[in-house]
Amino acid sequence: MPAISAITLFVDDLALARDWYSRAFGLAEHFSDDVSLVFLFETVMVNLLQISEAPELIAPASVGSHGAGARAVYTLTVPDVDASVERLVAAGIGVLNGPVDRPWGVRTAAFADPFGHVWEFAAPIV
């Protein structure tokens, strides 16, 4: 099975995306140009693409509207969900829910970027 190498998320404002992703994850930019910004999560590139460029990638499909609701959650395994949430809050980033122990044996906390993409910190309950 091939590995996932990149995930492209459509954003309305690259400057806002740069600020939020830098604060949320403490990562430096891996690449940027006039219409995109890439952060490297170990071996997976998260490409934040200006929404105006999306049709080139997905036509004839259309881009969903920002307010239509979440359609995916991107999960990052962390050693300590509570400490990761504390870092988010200290960086001025709100949490949607959690930290909470899930019945499937994982502690999680969800948060969303300014464009509606939902992220989650997760760790096994020990």
N, C-alpha and C. Protein backbone atom coordinates (compact mmCIF):
# COMPACT_ATOMS: atom_id res chain seq x y z
N MET A 1 0.85 -1.17 0.00
CA MET A 1 0.00 0.00 0.00
C MET A 1 0.90 1.24 0.00
N PRO A 2 0.66 2.19 -0.88
CA PRO A 2 1.47 3.41 -0.88
C PRO A 2 1.16 4.29 0.34
N ALA A 3 2.14 5.04 0.75
CA ALA A 3 1.99 5.95 1.89
C ALA A 3 1.37 7.26 1.44
N ILE A 4 0.67 7.93 2.34
CA ILE A 4 0.18 9.27 2.06
C ILE A 4 1.36 10.21 2.14
N SER A 5 1.57 10.98 1.09
CA SER A 5 2.72 11.90 1.06
C SER A 5 2.30 13.35 1.26
N ALA A 6 1.06 13.69 0.88
CA ALA A 6 0.61 15.07 1.01
C ALA A 6 -0.89 15.13 1.18
N ILE A 7 -1.32 16.12 1.95
CA ILE A 7 -2.73 16.45 2.11
C ILE A 7 -2.84 17.92 1.77
N THR A 8 -3.74 18.25 0.85
CA THR A 8 -3.93 19.65 0.45
C THR A 8 -5.23 20.16 1.05
N LEU A 9 -5.13 21.26 1.78
CA LEU A 9 -6.28 21.92 2.38
C LEU A 9 -6.44 23.28 1.73
N PHE A 10 -7.66 23.62 1.35
CA PHE A 10 -7.92 24.90 0.70
C PHE A 10 -8.16 25.97 1.77
N VAL A 11 -7.49 27.11 1.60
CA VAL A 11 -7.58 28.22 2.57
C VAL A 11 -7.89 29.52 1.85
N ASP A 12 -8.49 30.44 2.58
CA ASP A 12 -8.86 31.74 2.02
C ASP A 12 -7.78 32.80 2.18
N ASP A 13 -6.87 32.59 3.12
CA ASP A 13 -5.91 33.63 3.47
C ASP A 13 -4.59 32.97 3.89
N LEU A 14 -3.58 33.03 3.02
CA LEU A 14 -2.30 32.37 3.31
C LEU A 14 -1.59 32.98 4.52
N ALA A 15 -1.67 34.29 4.69
CA ALA A 15 -1.01 34.92 5.84
C ALA A 15 -1.63 34.42 7.15
N LEU A 16 -2.94 34.35 7.19
CA LEU A 16 -3.63 33.84 8.37
C LEU A 16 -3.29 32.36 8.59
N ALA A 17 -3.23 31.58 7.50
CA ALA A 17 -2.86 30.17 7.60
C ALA A 17 -1.45 30.02 8.14
N ARG A 18 -0.52 30.81 7.63
CA ARG A 18 0.88 30.75 8.09
C ARG A 18 0.95 31.00 9.59
N ASP A 19 0.28 32.03 10.06
CA ASP A 19 0.30 32.37 11.48
C ASP A 19 -0.33 31.26 12.32
N TRP A 20 -1.51 30.81 11.93
CA TRP A 20 -2.23 29.82 12.73
C TRP A 20 -1.47 28.50 12.79
N TYR A 21 -1.02 27.99 11.65
CA TYR A 21 -0.33 26.69 11.63
C TYR A 21 1.01 26.76 12.36
N SER A 22 1.70 27.86 12.27
CA SER A 22 2.95 28.02 13.01
C SER A 22 2.69 27.99 14.51
N ARG A 23 1.65 28.70 14.95
CA ARG A 23 1.33 28.73 16.38
C ARG A 23 0.78 27.40 16.86
N ALA A 24 -0.11 26.79 16.08
CA ALA A 24 -0.78 25.56 16.52
C ALA A 24 0.19 24.39 16.64
N PHE A 25 1.11 24.27 15.69
CA PHE A 25 1.95 23.08 15.64
C PHE A 25 3.42 23.34 15.89
N GLY A 26 3.81 24.60 16.01
CA GLY A 26 5.21 24.91 16.28
C GLY A 26 6.14 24.49 15.17
N LEU A 27 5.66 24.50 13.94
CA LEU A 27 6.45 24.08 12.80
C LEU A 27 6.89 25.27 11.95
N ALA A 28 8.04 25.13 11.32
CA ALA A 28 8.49 26.12 10.35
C ALA A 28 7.96 25.71 8.97
N GLU A 29 7.86 26.69 8.10
CA GLU A 29 7.43 26.41 6.73
C GLU A 29 8.44 25.48 6.06
N HIS A 30 7.91 24.54 5.30
CA HIS A 30 8.76 23.66 4.50
C HIS A 30 8.94 24.24 3.10
N PHE A 31 7.88 24.91 2.60
CA PHE A 31 7.88 25.51 1.27
C PHE A 31 6.77 26.53 1.22
N SER A 32 6.96 27.59 0.42
CA SER A 32 5.86 28.52 0.16
C SER A 32 6.10 29.22 -1.16
N ASP A 33 5.00 29.64 -1.78
CA ASP A 33 5.05 30.50 -2.96
C ASP A 33 3.85 31.44 -2.88
N ASP A 34 3.47 32.04 -3.96
CA ASP A 34 2.39 33.03 -3.94
C ASP A 34 1.02 32.43 -3.64
N VAL A 35 0.83 31.12 -3.86
CA VAL A 35 -0.49 30.52 -3.70
C VAL A 35 -0.53 29.33 -2.75
N SER A 36 0.61 28.96 -2.19
CA SER A 36 0.60 27.80 -1.31
C SER A 36 1.65 27.92 -0.21
N LEU A 37 1.44 27.10 0.79
CA LEU A 37 2.29 27.07 1.97
C LEU A 37 2.31 25.63 2.47
N VAL A 38 3.49 25.07 2.67
CA VAL A 38 3.59 23.66 3.07
C VAL A 38 4.28 23.55 4.43
N PHE A 39 3.67 22.74 5.29
CA PHE A 39 4.27 22.35 6.56
C PHE A 39 4.51 20.85 6.49
N LEU A 40 5.65 20.41 6.99
CA LEU A 40 6.01 19.00 6.97
C LEU A 40 5.75 18.39 8.34
N PHE A 41 4.84 17.42 8.37
CA PHE A 41 4.53 16.65 9.57
C PHE A 41 5.22 15.31 9.41
N GLU A 42 6.46 15.23 9.88
CA GLU A 42 7.36 14.09 9.66
C GLU A 42 7.46 13.82 8.16
N THR A 43 6.77 12.82 7.63
CA THR A 43 6.90 12.51 6.21
C THR A 43 5.70 12.96 5.37
N VAL A 44 4.71 13.56 6.00
CA VAL A 44 3.51 13.99 5.29
C VAL A 44 3.51 15.52 5.16
N MET A 45 3.38 15.97 3.92
CA MET A 45 3.29 17.40 3.66
C MET A 45 1.83 17.84 3.76
N VAL A 46 1.57 18.89 4.54
CA VAL A 46 0.26 19.52 4.55
C VAL A 46 0.40 20.80 3.73
N ASN A 47 -0.23 20.77 2.57
CA ASN A 47 -0.18 21.87 1.62
C ASN A 47 -1.42 22.74 1.81
N LEU A 48 -1.21 23.97 2.20
CA LEU A 48 -2.30 24.93 2.36
C LEU A 48 -2.35 25.74 1.07
N LEU A 49 -3.38 25.51 0.30
CA LEU A 49 -3.49 26.09 -1.04
C LEU A 49 -4.56 27.16 -1.08
N GLN A 50 -4.20 28.31 -1.64
CA GLN A 50 -5.17 29.39 -1.81
C GLN A 50 -6.38 28.84 -2.56
N ILE A 51 -7.55 29.08 -2.03
CA ILE A 51 -8.78 28.48 -2.56
C ILE A 51 -9.00 28.80 -4.04
N SER A 52 -8.51 29.93 -4.48
CA SER A 52 -8.67 30.30 -5.90
C SER A 52 -7.96 29.32 -6.83
N GLU A 53 -6.98 28.59 -6.31
CA GLU A 53 -6.21 27.64 -7.12
C GLU A 53 -6.80 26.22 -7.09
N ALA A 54 -7.78 25.99 -6.25
CA ALA A 54 -8.34 24.66 -6.07
C ALA A 54 -8.97 24.07 -7.34
N PRO A 55 -9.71 24.83 -8.12
CA PRO A 55 -10.33 24.22 -9.31
C PRO A 55 -9.34 23.53 -10.24
N GLU A 56 -8.13 24.04 -10.32
CA GLU A 56 -7.13 23.40 -11.18
C GLU A 56 -6.86 21.96 -10.74
N LEU A 57 -6.93 21.71 -9.44
CA LEU A 57 -6.66 20.38 -8.92
C LEU A 57 -7.86 19.45 -8.94
N ILE A 58 -9.06 19.99 -8.74
CA ILE A 58 -10.21 19.11 -8.50
C ILE A 58 -11.31 19.17 -9.55
N ALA A 59 -11.22 20.05 -10.53
CA ALA A 59 -12.28 20.16 -11.55
C ALA A 59 -12.49 18.81 -12.23
N PRO A 60 -13.70 18.43 -12.47
CA PRO A 60 -14.93 19.22 -12.42
C PRO A 60 -15.60 19.25 -11.05
N ALA A 61 -15.00 18.65 -10.02
CA ALA A 61 -15.57 18.77 -8.67
C ALA A 61 -15.48 20.23 -8.22
N SER A 62 -16.32 20.59 -7.27
CA SER A 62 -16.30 21.97 -6.77
C SER A 62 -15.79 22.01 -5.34
N VAL A 63 -15.35 23.18 -4.92
CA VAL A 63 -14.88 23.40 -3.56
C VAL A 63 -16.10 23.62 -2.67
N GLY A 64 -16.14 22.92 -1.53
CA GLY A 64 -17.23 23.11 -0.59
C GLY A 64 -17.14 24.46 0.11
N SER A 65 -18.27 24.96 0.53
CA SER A 65 -18.28 26.25 1.21
C SER A 65 -17.75 26.10 2.63
N HIS A 66 -17.15 27.16 3.12
CA HIS A 66 -16.53 27.18 4.45
C HIS A 66 -17.52 26.83 5.56
N GLY A 67 -18.72 27.32 5.48
CA GLY A 67 -19.70 27.13 6.55
C GLY A 67 -20.52 25.86 6.45
N ALA A 68 -20.20 24.97 5.53
CA ALA A 68 -21.01 23.78 5.32
C ALA A 68 -20.82 22.71 6.39
N GLY A 69 -19.81 22.83 7.22
CA GLY A 69 -19.56 21.86 8.28
C GLY A 69 -18.36 20.99 7.98
N ALA A 70 -17.83 20.37 9.01
CA ALA A 70 -16.63 19.54 8.87
C ALA A 70 -16.95 18.26 8.12
N ARG A 71 -16.00 17.82 7.30
CA ARG A 71 -16.15 16.57 6.56
C ARG A 71 -14.99 15.62 6.85
N ALA A 72 -14.03 16.04 7.67
CA ALA A 72 -12.87 15.20 7.99
C ALA A 72 -12.24 15.70 9.29
N VAL A 73 -11.47 14.82 9.93
CA VAL A 73 -10.66 15.19 11.09
C VAL A 73 -9.25 14.66 10.82
N TYR A 74 -8.27 15.50 11.03
CA TYR A 74 -6.87 15.14 10.84
C TYR A 74 -6.26 14.92 12.21
N THR A 75 -5.85 13.69 12.50
CA THR A 75 -5.40 13.31 13.83
C THR A 75 -3.88 13.26 13.91
N LEU A 76 -3.35 13.90 14.96
CA LEU A 76 -1.92 13.86 15.25
C LEU A 76 -1.74 13.12 16.57
N THR A 77 -0.94 12.07 16.55
CA THR A 77 -0.62 11.35 17.78
C THR A 77 0.43 12.13 18.54
N VAL A 78 0.14 12.41 19.79
CA VAL A 78 1.05 13.18 20.65
C VAL A 78 1.30 12.37 21.93
N PRO A 79 2.41 12.65 22.63
CA PRO A 79 2.65 11.92 23.87
C PRO A 79 1.69 12.28 25.00
N ASP A 80 1.22 13.55 25.01
CA ASP A 80 0.38 14.04 26.10
C ASP A 80 -0.64 15.02 25.54
N VAL A 81 -1.89 14.59 25.45
CA VAL A 81 -2.95 15.44 24.89
C VAL A 81 -3.15 16.69 25.74
N ASP A 82 -3.16 16.54 27.05
CA ASP A 82 -3.40 17.68 27.92
C ASP A 82 -2.32 18.75 27.76
N ALA A 83 -1.07 18.34 27.71
CA ALA A 83 0.03 19.29 27.52
C ALA A 83 -0.06 19.96 26.15
N SER A 84 -0.46 19.20 25.15
CA SER A 84 -0.60 19.77 23.80
C SER A 84 -1.72 20.80 23.76
N VAL A 85 -2.81 20.53 24.46
CA VAL A 85 -3.92 21.48 24.54
C VAL A 85 -3.49 22.74 25.29
N GLU A 86 -2.75 22.57 26.38
CA GLU A 86 -2.25 23.73 27.13
C GLU A 86 -1.41 24.63 26.23
N ARG A 87 -0.58 24.02 25.37
CA ARG A 87 0.25 24.79 24.44
C ARG A 87 -0.63 25.54 23.44
N LEU A 88 -1.68 24.89 22.93
CA LEU A 88 -2.61 25.56 22.02
C LEU A 88 -3.25 26.78 22.67
N VAL A 89 -3.78 26.57 23.85
CA VAL A 89 -4.47 27.65 24.56
C VAL A 89 -3.51 28.80 24.84
N ALA A 90 -2.28 28.48 25.22
CA ALA A 90 -1.27 29.52 25.47
C ALA A 90 -0.95 30.29 24.20
N ALA A 91 -1.12 29.64 23.04
CA ALA A 91 -0.86 30.29 21.75
C ALA A 91 -2.10 31.02 21.24
N GLY A 92 -3.17 31.04 22.05
CA GLY A 92 -4.38 31.76 21.66
C GLY A 92 -5.29 30.98 20.73
N ILE A 93 -5.17 29.66 20.73
CA ILE A 93 -5.98 28.82 19.86
C ILE A 93 -7.00 28.08 20.70
N GLY A 94 -8.27 28.22 20.32
CA GLY A 94 -9.35 27.58 21.05
C GLY A 94 -9.50 26.11 20.72
N VAL A 95 -10.13 25.38 21.61
CA VAL A 95 -10.36 23.95 21.46
C VAL A 95 -11.86 23.72 21.26
N LEU A 96 -12.21 22.83 20.34
CA LEU A 96 -13.61 22.50 20.12
C LEU A 96 -14.15 21.60 21.22
N ASN A 97 -13.36 20.58 21.58
CA ASN A 97 -13.76 19.67 22.65
C ASN A 97 -12.54 18.95 23.20
N GLY A 98 -12.68 18.47 24.41
CA GLY A 98 -11.60 17.72 25.04
C GLY A 98 -10.69 18.62 25.86
N PRO A 99 -9.69 17.97 26.43
CA PRO A 99 -9.35 16.56 26.34
C PRO A 99 -10.43 15.68 26.96
N VAL A 100 -10.67 14.56 26.29
CA VAL A 100 -11.68 13.62 26.75
C VAL A 100 -11.20 12.20 26.45
N ASP A 101 -11.51 11.29 27.38
CA ASP A 101 -11.19 9.88 27.17
C ASP A 101 -12.30 9.25 26.34
N ARG A 102 -11.92 8.66 25.21
CA ARG A 102 -12.89 8.04 24.31
C ARG A 102 -13.04 6.56 24.66
N PRO A 103 -14.22 5.98 24.40
CA PRO A 103 -14.44 4.58 24.75
C PRO A 103 -13.54 3.60 24.01
N TRP A 104 -12.92 4.02 22.93
CA TRP A 104 -12.04 3.12 22.17
C TRP A 104 -10.60 3.19 22.66
N GLY A 105 -10.38 3.81 23.85
CA GLY A 105 -9.07 3.75 24.49
C GLY A 105 -8.10 4.85 24.11
N VAL A 106 -8.62 5.96 23.63
CA VAL A 106 -7.78 7.08 23.20
C VAL A 106 -8.27 8.36 23.87
N ARG A 107 -7.34 9.19 24.32
CA ARG A 107 -7.67 10.52 24.85
C ARG A 107 -7.49 11.50 23.70
N THR A 108 -8.49 12.35 23.46
CA THR A 108 -8.45 13.25 22.31
C THR A 108 -8.85 14.67 22.70
N ALA A 109 -8.48 15.60 21.83
CA ALA A 109 -8.95 16.98 21.91
C ALA A 109 -8.99 17.50 20.47
N ALA A 110 -10.10 18.11 20.10
CA ALA A 110 -10.29 18.61 18.74
C ALA A 110 -10.22 20.13 18.71
N PHE A 111 -9.71 20.64 17.60
CA PHE A 111 -9.62 22.09 17.39
C PHE A 111 -9.68 22.34 15.89
N ALA A 112 -10.04 23.55 15.50
CA ALA A 112 -10.22 23.85 14.07
C ALA A 112 -9.39 25.04 13.67
N ASP A 113 -8.88 25.00 12.44
CA ASP A 113 -8.17 26.16 11.91
C ASP A 113 -9.18 27.22 11.50
N PRO A 114 -8.75 28.42 11.14
CA PRO A 114 -9.70 29.49 10.80
C PRO A 114 -10.55 29.20 9.56
N PHE A 115 -10.24 28.14 8.83
CA PHE A 115 -10.94 27.83 7.59
C PHE A 115 -11.89 26.65 7.75
N GLY A 116 -12.01 26.13 8.98
CA GLY A 116 -12.95 25.06 9.26
C GLY A 116 -12.36 23.66 9.20
N HIS A 117 -11.06 23.51 8.97
CA HIS A 117 -10.43 22.19 8.96
C HIS A 117 -10.22 21.75 10.40
N VAL A 118 -10.76 20.60 10.75
CA VAL A 118 -10.71 20.11 12.13
C VAL A 118 -9.50 19.20 12.32
N TRP A 119 -8.74 19.50 13.35
CA TRP A 119 -7.56 18.73 13.75
C TRP A 119 -7.83 18.13 15.12
N GLU A 120 -7.09 17.09 15.44
CA GLU A 120 -7.26 16.42 16.72
C GLU A 120 -5.90 15.94 17.24
N PHE A 121 -5.67 16.16 18.53
CA PHE A 121 -4.55 15.53 19.20
C PHE A 121 -5.09 14.25 19.82
N ALA A 122 -4.29 13.18 19.77
CA ALA A 122 -4.73 11.91 20.32
C ALA A 122 -3.56 11.17 20.95
N ALA A 123 -3.85 10.43 22.01
CA ALA A 123 -2.85 9.58 22.67
C ALA A 123 -3.58 8.41 23.30
N PRO A 124 -2.94 7.24 23.30
CA PRO A 124 -3.55 6.09 23.98
C PRO A 124 -3.72 6.40 25.46
N ILE A 125 -4.82 5.92 26.02
CA ILE A 125 -5.05 6.05 27.46
C ILE A 125 -4.19 5.00 28.16
N VAL A 126 -3.38 5.47 29.10
CA VAL A 126 -2.51 4.53 29.81
C VAL A 126 -2.97 4.31 31.23
